[in-house]
Amino acid sequence: MLQNYIKITLKVLGRNRFYTFVSLFGIVFTLLIVLALSAFIDHLLAPHYPDVNRGRCLYIGKIDCSDPEKQAHRMGPPSFHFLEKYVLTLETPEMIGIASLPSFANAYVGNRRLKLNLKFTNPEFWGITAFDFLEGRPFNEENIRNGDYVAVINERTRDNYFGEGFPAVGQSIVVENVAYRVIGVVRDVPITRIMVSGDVYLPYTVGKSQARGEGLVGNYIGILLADSPAALPRIREEYQHSLSKIELPMEEDGFVFSSLESEAETYLEYFLNLGLIDVGSKGVFYSILGIFVLLFMLLPAINLVNLNISRIMERSSEIGVRKAFGASSGKLVVQFLIENIFITLLGGLAAILLAAIVLKIFNQSGLIPGADLAINLPVALIGLGACLLFGVLSGVIPAYRMSRIHVVDALRGGEG
């Protein structure tokens, strides 16, 4: 039966090529946008290189201090001092990494200026992440103890500073008039992964990072790796217990802070709390995203409904004959829905191929340095789900109207 429906669909597609072109164009364009959006969200939120352990990590990236008397708030990333005193002392995490947020500095190759993103980290940062080392190794505890001026650089910085493909390990790179010995080269990381992306990775003990001060707010984040996702609630609880040891009120820079709030958050929670998206939970975020996609698909679906109704009226004689020979309305509805879903799947396949080409061009454009957007399995499954949803949305009303056509009216070529 299904095979017969598909054969009928292929014949219908060839009967009126203009309708077929318009239908497929609407399907392909809509699903292309859905796939591109899905790939970008997957790029932002899914655990990709080198942040492959994101599902087992909590992030401490914000402190909120308040002074009710002066009606003042101080909110921002924690300082190294804060992380050292209240985070590195935690016992539940398997490993605790510290990394600075993006800070930019200049390096020069002849008269050419390179703007570099510096990231100061501790050795544990390299154990939590999974960088691909093209050359050399990460810095370790011995480098920290010795105060070594060493650096791990990314592939792009190596090519721009030393020459494309030129071995960099053992060479010196001068950043803001300070020379660092290169001990490793890693594959580029997209700048959108702010927790782990950088051009030059330095030990937290060198350069300007030494001027950390004793304040609570600074420019660092803590990355807490659990031995399993089940341990994340225990880490949150221990972190809150650690915060309870802070003596309040406390004076800092002329303010008297009587309250301090901070959370160990998942990556998605941290991302949402940046203020980019004002929603409070994972469920709400995905619900809003789903509603947006549904509304986006609704308008082209309505256009396809009109096209499908026109196509049905062209087939009224066929419908009348089938009804005269005993075909039920239910069977006709199922047939038309299958036809519509099949057409949508054809458009979906074309959209996936086109999206792969578009994303490859986008990655190579350099608009997001190091971008690696791709049609992976989760994105492809979202595309498949969108195809089915789109096929049903644009097929239900025409199928229902087809099933309501009276036999005599259908044979006459109209609805009656």
Foldseek 3Di string as FASTA:
>chain_A
DLVVLVVVLVVLCVPDVVLLVVLLVLLLVLLLVLLLVVLVVCLQPPQDAFQNQLLQKWKWAKKWFAFVVVRDIDMGGWFPLQCVQQPVPDDQFPFKKKKFFWDWFWFDDPPDIDIWTEMAIAQSVCVNTHWAWPFADDDHPVCVVVVAQAKEFEQVCCCVRVNHPDDQQQHWTAIPNDIHGYGTYTYADWVSHRQDHTGIYGHCSDDPSVPRDNDTHDGMMMMTGHPDSVSVVVSFVSSVVSVVPDDAQDDDPRGGTGDMDITGHRPVQVVCVVVPHPDDDPVVVVVVVVVVSVVSLLVSLVVLLVSLLVSLLVCLQVLLVCVVVPDALVNQLVSQLSSLLVSSVVSLVVSLVVSQVVVVVVQVVCPTPPDDRHCDDVSSVVSNVVSNVSSCSNRNVSSNLSNQADSVQSNVSHRD
